[in-house]
Amino acid sequence: MRHWAVVIVVVVVECSSMVWGQGIEDIVFYDAFESGDTSGWWAPARVGETGQETCYDEAGTVIACAGTGQDGDIQPGVAWPEPQFVDNADGTVTDMLTGLVWLKDAICFGWRSWTDALSDANTLASDSCGLTDGSVADDWRLPSTNELQSLVDYEYYSPALSNGEGTARWTEGDVFAGVQMMFYWSSKSYALNPSFAYYVNFMNGLVGDTGKASTCCVWPVRGGL
């Protein structure tokens, strides 16, 4: 049986002269634990590094990281494996840190409302969107905000995503295809206004919310439940 922990982490990302704070909760990076007693009901969840290795001053100028206490200095979290992403040659890509399996084609469904995005993901199956993995309807789902953010590499911009090896910014086909520098729907509704839902912006990795009737991209995931 897998055991998950509820973890609250604050990730601070500095971009140019602006500093963005993003809270992450209910971490579900689950497949293996780095430490702790896994024989009981709770154990530490795997929280990956943000990927940021560069540090900046208040004006957004690059500075030496040593002793700054910035994310690029401390680099907390589990180091990403190399390669980070593996193309399974069946229309899917596996994240080697989280074990999540992603649709390789990140623009198969185009821009969809939130309700349509949920349906698109839930009904996705082999022989569509380039899949030859034998998956059936209900194997796939719309990812949570945390799952989407697990793809983000904050060292990069436009997109905030690394290549398969985890050594450089993503380029077309390495290993994902069609990644948009825009918003991708999460499955999570906004509690203060349930007619809104959260998205992750892959231009910069930031989380936002918008009305469910708006259109965003769809990036299905499976595994991890």
C-alpha atoms as a PDB file:
ATOM      1  CA  MET A   1       0.000   0.000   0.000  1.00  0.00           C
ATOM      2  CA  ARG A   2       1.279   3.457  -0.811  1.00  0.00           C
ATOM      3  CA  HIS A   3       1.318   5.998   2.017  1.00  0.00           C
ATOM      4  CA  TRP A   4       1.148   9.710   1.373  1.00  0.00           C
ATOM      5  CA  ALA A   5       1.918  12.663   3.553  1.00  0.00           C
ATOM      6  CA  VAL A   6       0.332  16.079   3.491  1.00  0.00           C
ATOM      7  CA  VAL A   7       3.166  18.522   3.053  1.00  0.00           C
ATOM      8  CA  ILE A   8       3.174  22.298   2.759  1.00  0.00           C
ATOM      9  CA  VAL A   9       6.118  23.796   0.937  1.00  0.00           C
ATOM     10  CA  VAL A  10       6.757  27.371  -0.102  1.00  0.00           C
ATOM     11  CA  VAL A  11       8.681  27.807  -3.333  1.00  0.00           C
ATOM     12  CA  VAL A  12       9.970  31.288  -4.078  1.00  0.00           C
ATOM     13  CA  VAL A  13      10.767  31.976  -7.699  1.00  0.00           C
ATOM     14  CA  GLU A  14      12.521  35.166  -8.700  1.00  0.00           C
ATOM     15  CA  CYS A  15      12.011  36.408 -12.252  1.00  0.00           C
ATOM     16  CA  SER A  16      13.749  39.601 -13.341  1.00  0.00           C
ATOM     17  CA  SER A  17      12.784  42.282 -10.780  1.00  0.00           C
ATOM     18  CA  MET A  18       9.680  40.419  -9.574  1.00  0.00           C
ATOM     19  CA  VAL A  19       9.514  37.735  -6.928  1.00  0.00           C
ATOM     20  CA  TRP A  20       6.615  35.301  -7.082  1.00  0.00           C
ATOM     21  CA  GLY A  21       5.531  33.127  -4.169  1.00  0.00           C
ATOM     22  CA  GLN A  22       3.655  29.915  -4.840  1.00  0.00           C
ATOM     23  CA  GLY A  23       2.264  27.641  -2.161  1.00  0.00           C
ATOM     24  CA  ILE A  24       2.154  23.919  -2.841  1.00  0.00           C
ATOM     25  CA  GLU A  25       0.027  21.619  -0.727  1.00  0.00           C
ATOM     26  CA  ASP A  26      -1.116  17.987  -0.680  1.00  0.00           C
ATOM     27  CA  ILE A  27       2.047  16.753  -2.388  1.00  0.00           C
ATOM     28  CA  VAL A  28       1.512  13.371  -4.052  1.00  0.00           C
ATOM     29  CA  PHE A  29       4.956  12.424  -5.285  1.00  0.00           C
ATOM     30  CA  TYR A  30       4.429   8.926  -4.045  1.00  0.00           C
ATOM     31  CA  ASP A  31       6.249   5.990  -5.570  1.00  0.00           C
ATOM     32  CA  ALA A  32       9.298   5.891  -3.334  1.00  0.00           C
ATOM     33  CA  PHE A  33      10.301   7.690  -0.181  1.00  0.00           C
ATOM     34  CA  GLU A  34      13.747   9.158   0.324  1.00  0.00           C
ATOM     35  CA  SER A  35      13.717   8.549   4.074  1.00  0.00           C
ATOM     36  CA  GLY A  36      11.530   7.818   7.065  1.00  0.00           C
ATOM     37  CA  ASP A  37       9.564   4.869   8.314  1.00  0.00           C
ATOM     38  CA  THR A  38       7.313   3.597   5.536  1.00  0.00           C
ATOM     39  CA  SER A  39       5.849   0.818   7.665  1.00  0.00           C
ATOM     40  CA  GLY A  40       3.274   3.107   9.251  1.00  0.00           C
ATOM     41  CA  TRP A  41       0.549   5.255   7.782  1.00  0.00           C
ATOM     42  CA  TRP A  42       2.678   8.324   7.069  1.00  0.00           C
ATOM     43  CA  ALA A  43       6.071   8.947   5.513  1.00  0.00           C
ATOM     44  CA  PRO A  44       7.833  11.881   3.857  1.00  0.00           C
ATOM     45  CA  ALA A  45       6.667  12.592   0.311  1.00  0.00           C
ATOM     46  CA  ARG A  46       9.171  13.200  -2.453  1.00  0.00           C
ATOM     47  CA  VAL A  47       9.329  16.900  -3.275  1.00  0.00           C
ATOM     48  CA  GLY A  48      11.505  17.672  -6.257  1.00  0.00           C
ATOM     49  CA  GLU A  49      13.826  20.606  -6.735  1.00  0.00           C
ATOM     50  CA  THR A  50      12.416  23.618  -8.576  1.00  0.00           C
ATOM     51  CA  GLY A  51      15.270  23.448 -11.070  1.00  0.00           C
ATOM     52  CA  GLN A  52      16.366  27.029 -10.484  1.00  0.00           C
ATOM     53  CA  GLU A  53      20.154  27.410 -10.309  1.00  0.00           C
ATOM     54  CA  THR A  54      20.507  31.140 -11.024  1.00  0.00           C
ATOM     55  CA  CYS A  55      20.287  33.941  -8.420  1.00  0.00           C
ATOM     56  CA  TYR A  56      19.367  37.613  -8.842  1.00  0.00           C
ATOM     57  CA  ASP A  57      19.500  40.879  -6.938  1.00  0.00           C
ATOM     58  CA  GLU A  58      16.588  43.298  -6.408  1.00  0.00           C
ATOM     59  CA  ALA A  59      17.058  44.781  -9.882  1.00  0.00           C
ATOM     60  CA  GLY A  60      16.957  41.368 -11.531  1.00  0.00           C
ATOM     61  CA  THR A  61      20.696  41.246 -12.219  1.00  0.00           C
ATOM     62  CA  VAL A  62      22.351  37.830 -12.092  1.00  0.00           C
ATOM     63  CA  ILE A  63      24.569  37.451  -9.022  1.00  0.00           C
ATOM     64  CA  ALA A  64      26.630  34.691  -7.422  1.00  0.00           C
ATOM     65  CA  CYS A  65      24.343  32.360  -5.487  1.00  0.00           C
ATOM     66  CA  ALA A  66      26.630  31.405  -2.601  1.00  0.00           C
ATOM     67  CA  GLY A  67      25.288  32.630   0.736  1.00  0.00           C
ATOM     68  CA  THR A  68      22.199  34.376  -0.668  1.00  0.00           C
ATOM     69  CA  GLY A  69      19.704  31.877   0.717  1.00  0.00           C
ATOM     70  CA  GLN A  70      17.836  31.986  -2.576  1.00  0.00           C
ATOM     71  CA  ASP A  71      16.378  28.903  -4.191  1.00  0.00           C
ATOM     72  CA  GLY A  72      19.291  28.780  -6.626  1.00  0.00           C
ATOM     73  CA  ASP A  73      21.687  28.716  -3.667  1.00  0.00           C
ATOM     74  CA  ILE A  74      20.000  26.133  -1.441  1.00  0.00           C
ATOM     75  CA  GLN A  75      18.335  24.024  -4.162  1.00  0.00           C
ATOM     76  CA  PRO A  76      16.164  22.139  -1.664  1.00  0.00           C
ATOM     77  CA  GLY A  77      14.292  18.994  -2.594  1.00  0.00           C
ATOM     78  CA  VAL A  78      15.033  15.725  -4.313  1.00  0.00           C
ATOM     79  CA  ALA A  79      17.484  16.081  -7.204  1.00  0.00           C
ATOM     80  CA  TRP A  80      15.941  15.349 -10.580  1.00  0.00           C
ATOM     81  CA  PRO A  81      17.120  12.162 -12.254  1.00  0.00           C
ATOM     82  CA  GLU A  82      18.942  12.170 -15.567  1.00  0.00           C
ATOM     83  CA  PRO A  83      17.164  11.624 -17.812  1.00  0.00           C
ATOM     84  CA  GLN A  84      14.213  13.345 -16.239  1.00  0.00           C
ATOM     85  CA  PHE A  85      11.727  12.330 -18.925  1.00  0.00           C
ATOM     86  CA  VAL A  86      11.696   9.089 -20.928  1.00  0.00           C
ATOM     87  CA  ASP A  87       9.868   8.688 -24.238  1.00  0.00           C
ATOM     88  CA  ASN A  88       8.104   5.322 -24.083  1.00  0.00           C
ATOM     89  CA  ALA A  89       7.657   5.194 -27.889  1.00  0.00           C
ATOM     90  CA  ASP A  90       3.915   4.618 -27.479  1.00  0.00           C
ATOM     91  CA  GLY A  91       2.671   8.197 -27.309  1.00  0.00           C
ATOM     92  CA  THR A  92       3.520   8.547 -23.620  1.00  0.00           C
ATOM     93  CA  VAL A  93       6.363  10.063 -21.596  1.00  0.00           C
ATOM     94  CA  THR A  94       7.325   8.984 -18.063  1.00  0.00           C
ATOM     95  CA  ASP A  95       8.590  11.478 -15.480  1.00  0.00           C
ATOM     96  CA  MET A  96      11.366   9.550 -13.756  1.00  0.00           C
ATOM     97  CA  LEU A  97      11.043  11.539 -10.510  1.00  0.00           C
ATOM     98  CA  THR A  98       7.318  11.183  -9.889  1.00  0.00           C
ATOM     99  CA  GLY A  99       6.551   8.092 -11.951  1.00  0.00           C
ATOM    100  CA  LEU A 100       3.658   9.911 -13.604  1.00  0.00           C
ATOM    101  CA  VAL A 101       2.947   9.069 -17.246  1.00  0.00           C
ATOM    102  CA  TRP A 102       2.084  12.017 -19.505  1.00  0.00           C
ATOM    103  CA  LEU A 103       0.594  12.262 -22.961  1.00  0.00           C
ATOM    104  CA  LYS A 104       3.476  13.070 -25.308  1.00  0.00           C
ATOM    105  CA  ASP A 105       1.283  15.323 -27.490  1.00  0.00           C
ATOM    106  CA  ALA A 106       0.647  18.348 -25.273  1.00  0.00           C
ATOM    107  CA  ILE A 107      -1.707  20.046 -27.755  1.00  0.00           C
ATOM    108  CA  CYS A 108      -3.787  17.117 -29.023  1.00  0.00           C
ATOM    109  CA  PHE A 109      -7.055  18.574 -27.717  1.00  0.00           C
ATOM    110  CA  GLY A 110      -6.321  22.205 -28.506  1.00  0.00           C
ATOM    111  CA  TRP A 111      -7.997  24.849 -26.331  1.00  0.00           C
ATOM    112  CA  ARG A 112     -10.973  23.632 -24.321  1.00  0.00           C
ATOM    113  CA  SER A 113     -13.311  24.735 -21.559  1.00  0.00           C
ATOM    114  CA  TRP A 114     -12.657  23.169 -18.165  1.00  0.00           C
ATOM    115  CA  THR A 115     -15.629  20.794 -18.396  1.00  0.00           C
ATOM    116  CA  ASP A 116     -14.619  19.678 -21.878  1.00  0.00           C
ATOM    117  CA  ALA A 117     -11.016  19.245 -20.702  1.00  0.00           C
ATOM    118  CA  LEU A 118     -12.127  16.887 -17.922  1.00  0.00           C
ATOM    119  CA  SER A 119     -14.113  14.837 -20.419  1.00  0.00           C
ATOM    120  CA  ASP A 120     -11.297  14.823 -22.981  1.00  0.00           C
ATOM    121  CA  ALA A 121      -8.845  13.459 -20.436  1.00  0.00           C
ATOM    122  CA  ASN A 122     -11.210  10.886 -18.941  1.00  0.00           C
ATOM    123  CA  THR A 123     -12.191   9.440 -22.330  1.00  0.00           C
ATOM    124  CA  LEU A 124      -8.669   9.393 -23.788  1.00  0.00           C
ATOM    125  CA  ALA A 125      -7.586   5.919 -24.898  1.00  0.00           C
ATOM    126  CA  SER A 126      -5.107   4.103 -27.099  1.00  0.00           C
ATOM    127  CA  ASP A 127      -5.426   4.799 -30.848  1.00  0.00           C
ATOM    128  CA  SER A 128      -6.074   8.495 -30.239  1.00  0.00           C
ATOM    129  CA  CYS A 129      -3.633  11.392 -29.816  1.00  0.00           C
ATOM    130  CA  GLY A 130      -0.812   9.160 -31.063  1.00  0.00           C
ATOM    131  CA  LEU A 131      -1.276   6.582 -28.294  1.00  0.00           C
ATOM    132  CA  THR A 132      -0.406   2.920 -28.831  1.00  0.00           C
ATOM    133  CA  ASP A 133      -0.078   2.079 -25.133  1.00  0.00           C
ATOM    134  CA  GLY A 134      -3.204  -0.036 -24.741  1.00  0.00           C
ATOM    135  CA  SER A 135      -4.814   2.465 -22.361  1.00  0.00           C
ATOM    136  CA  VAL A 136      -8.595   2.648 -22.118  1.00  0.00           C
ATOM    137  CA  ALA A 137     -11.123   5.281 -21.075  1.00  0.00           C
ATOM    138  CA  ASP A 138     -10.750   6.302 -17.410  1.00  0.00           C
ATOM    139  CA  ASP A 139      -7.048   5.426 -17.353  1.00  0.00           C
ATOM    140  CA  TRP A 140      -6.260   9.085 -18.004  1.00  0.00           C
ATOM    141  CA  ARG A 141      -7.309  12.183 -16.088  1.00  0.00           C
ATOM    142  CA  LEU A 142      -6.835  15.934 -15.967  1.00  0.00           C
ATOM    143  CA  PRO A 143      -3.826  16.559 -13.681  1.00  0.00           C
ATOM    144  CA  SER A 144      -3.876  18.435 -10.389  1.00  0.00           C
ATOM    145  CA  THR A 145      -1.996  21.713 -10.071  1.00  0.00           C
ATOM    146  CA  ASN A 146       0.726  19.888  -8.142  1.00  0.00           C
ATOM    147  CA  GLU A 147       1.124  17.290 -10.863  1.00  0.00           C
ATOM    148  CA  LEU A 148       1.388  19.976 -13.543  1.00  0.00           C
ATOM    149  CA  GLN A 149       3.905  21.904 -11.463  1.00  0.00           C
ATOM    150  CA  SER A 150       6.024  18.778 -11.103  1.00  0.00           C
ATOM    151  CA  LEU A 151       6.855  19.228 -14.805  1.00  0.00           C
ATOM    152  CA  VAL A 152       8.017  22.818 -14.362  1.00  0.00           C
ATOM    153  CA  ASP A 153      11.701  23.757 -14.343  1.00  0.00           C
ATOM    154  CA  TYR A 154      12.017  27.295 -12.952  1.00  0.00           C
ATOM    155  CA  GLU A 155      15.497  27.721 -14.389  1.00  0.00           C
ATOM    156  CA  TYR A 156      13.853  28.169 -17.796  1.00  0.00           C
ATOM    157  CA  TYR A 157      11.329  30.526 -19.337  1.00  0.00           C
ATOM    158  CA  SER A 158       9.198  30.218 -22.467  1.00  0.00           C
ATOM    159  CA  PRO A 159       8.671  27.441 -21.664  1.00  0.00           C
ATOM    160  CA  ALA A 160       9.468  26.684 -18.021  1.00  0.00           C
ATOM    161  CA  LEU A 161      10.204  23.100 -18.987  1.00  0.00           C
ATOM    162  CA  SER A 162      13.397  21.116 -19.468  1.00  0.00           C
ATOM    163  CA  ASN A 163      14.337  18.710 -22.205  1.00  0.00           C
ATOM    164  CA  GLY A 164      14.287  14.959 -21.726  1.00  0.00           C
ATOM    165  CA  GLU A 165      17.751  14.828 -20.192  1.00  0.00           C
ATOM    166  CA  GLY A 166      16.941  17.671 -17.792  1.00  0.00           C
ATOM    167  CA  THR A 167      19.975  19.616 -19.004  1.00  0.00           C
ATOM    168  CA  ALA A 168      18.495  22.425 -21.124  1.00  0.00           C
ATOM    169  CA  ARG A 169      15.250  24.175 -21.992  1.00  0.00           C
ATOM    170  CA  TRP A 170      12.681  22.107 -23.865  1.00  0.00           C
ATOM    171  CA  THR A 171      12.641  22.194 -27.651  1.00  0.00           C
ATOM    172  CA  GLU A 172      10.009  20.667 -29.911  1.00  0.00           C
ATOM    173  CA  GLY A 173      10.029  16.868 -29.753  1.00  0.00           C
ATOM    174  CA  ASP A 174      12.481  16.569 -26.828  1.00  0.00           C
ATOM    175  CA  VAL A 175      10.642  14.654 -25.478  1.00  0.00           C
ATOM    176  CA  PHE A 176       7.198  16.240 -25.522  1.00  0.00           C
ATOM    177  CA  ALA A 177       5.485  17.579 -28.625  1.00  0.00           C
ATOM    178  CA  GLY A 178       3.396  20.714 -29.055  1.00  0.00           C
ATOM    179  CA  VAL A 179       3.959  22.272 -25.628  1.00  0.00           C
ATOM    180  CA  GLN A 180       2.241  25.663 -25.559  1.00  0.00           C
ATOM    181  CA  MET A 181       3.705  28.688 -23.772  1.00  0.00           C
ATOM    182  CA  MET A 182       0.279  29.277 -22.272  1.00  0.00           C
ATOM    183  CA  PHE A 183      -2.247  27.969 -19.746  1.00  0.00           C
ATOM    184  CA  TYR A 184      -2.932  24.285 -19.035  1.00  0.00           C
ATOM    185  CA  TRP A 185      -6.007  23.309 -17.041  1.00  0.00           C
ATOM    186  CA  SER A 186      -5.734  21.532 -13.715  1.00  0.00           C
ATOM    187  CA  SER A 187      -8.556  19.470 -12.244  1.00  0.00           C
ATOM    188  CA  LYS A 188      -8.700  21.691  -9.161  1.00  0.00           C
ATOM    189  CA  SER A 189     -11.557  24.156  -8.627  1.00  0.00           C
ATOM    190  CA  TYR A 190     -11.033  27.484  -6.852  1.00  0.00           C
ATOM    191  CA  ALA A 191     -12.667  27.156  -3.413  1.00  0.00           C
ATOM    192  CA  LEU A 192     -13.502  30.859  -3.078  1.00  0.00           C
ATOM    193  CA  ASN A 193     -15.313  30.856  -6.424  1.00  0.00           C
ATOM    194  CA  PRO A 194     -16.105  27.332  -7.690  1.00  0.00           C
ATOM    195  CA  SER A 195     -16.979  28.660 -11.148  1.00  0.00           C
ATOM    196  CA  PHE A 196     -13.208  29.153 -11.524  1.00  0.00           C
ATOM    197  CA  ALA A 197     -10.470  26.515 -11.783  1.00  0.00           C
ATOM    198  CA  TYR A 198      -6.686  26.609 -11.536  1.00  0.00           C
ATOM    199  CA  TYR A 199      -4.234  26.427 -14.412  1.00  0.00           C
ATOM    200  CA  VAL A 200      -0.448  26.327 -14.759  1.00  0.00           C
ATOM    201  CA  ASN A 201       1.147  28.760 -17.203  1.00  0.00           C
ATOM    202  CA  PHE A 202       3.990  26.977 -18.984  1.00  0.00           C
ATOM    203  CA  MET A 203       5.438  30.261 -20.159  1.00  0.00           C
ATOM    204  CA  ASN A 204       6.749  30.849 -16.624  1.00  0.00           C
ATOM    205  CA  GLY A 205       5.466  28.019 -14.417  1.00  0.00           C
ATOM    206  CA  LEU A 206       3.086  30.187 -12.404  1.00  0.00           C
ATOM    207  CA  VAL A 207      -0.319  29.075 -11.156  1.00  0.00           C
ATOM    208  CA  GLY A 208      -3.436  31.144 -11.746  1.00  0.00           C
ATOM    209  CA  ASP A 209      -7.184  30.732 -11.975  1.00  0.00           C
ATOM    210  CA  THR A 210      -9.812  31.588 -14.540  1.00  0.00           C
ATOM    211  CA  GLY A 211     -13.469  30.959 -15.263  1.00  0.00           C
ATOM    212  CA  LYS A 212     -14.319  27.405 -16.226  1.00  0.00           C
ATOM    213  CA  ALA A 213     -15.952  28.631 -19.431  1.00  0.00           C
ATOM    214  CA  SER A 214     -12.578  30.014 -20.546  1.00  0.00           C
ATOM    215  CA  THR A 215     -10.417  27.893 -22.818  1.00  0.00           C
ATOM    216  CA  CYS A 216      -7.021  26.482 -21.851  1.00  0.00           C
ATOM    217  CA  CYS A 217      -4.883  23.599 -23.080  1.00  0.00           C
ATOM    218  CA  VAL A 218      -5.270  19.996 -21.940  1.00  0.00           C
ATOM    219  CA  TRP A 219      -2.371  17.753 -20.867  1.00  0.00           C
ATOM    220  CA  PRO A 220      -3.657  14.377 -19.628  1.00  0.00           C
ATOM    221  CA  VAL A 221      -1.762  12.247 -17.109  1.00  0.00           C
ATOM    222  CA  ARG A 222      -2.124   8.750 -15.698  1.00  0.00           C
ATOM    223  CA  GLY A 223      -0.656   6.793 -12.815  1.00  0.00           C
ATOM    224  CA  GLY A 224      -0.029   7.789  -9.236  1.00  0.00           C
ATOM    225  CA  LEU A 225      -3.403   6.971  -7.744  1.00  0.00           C
END
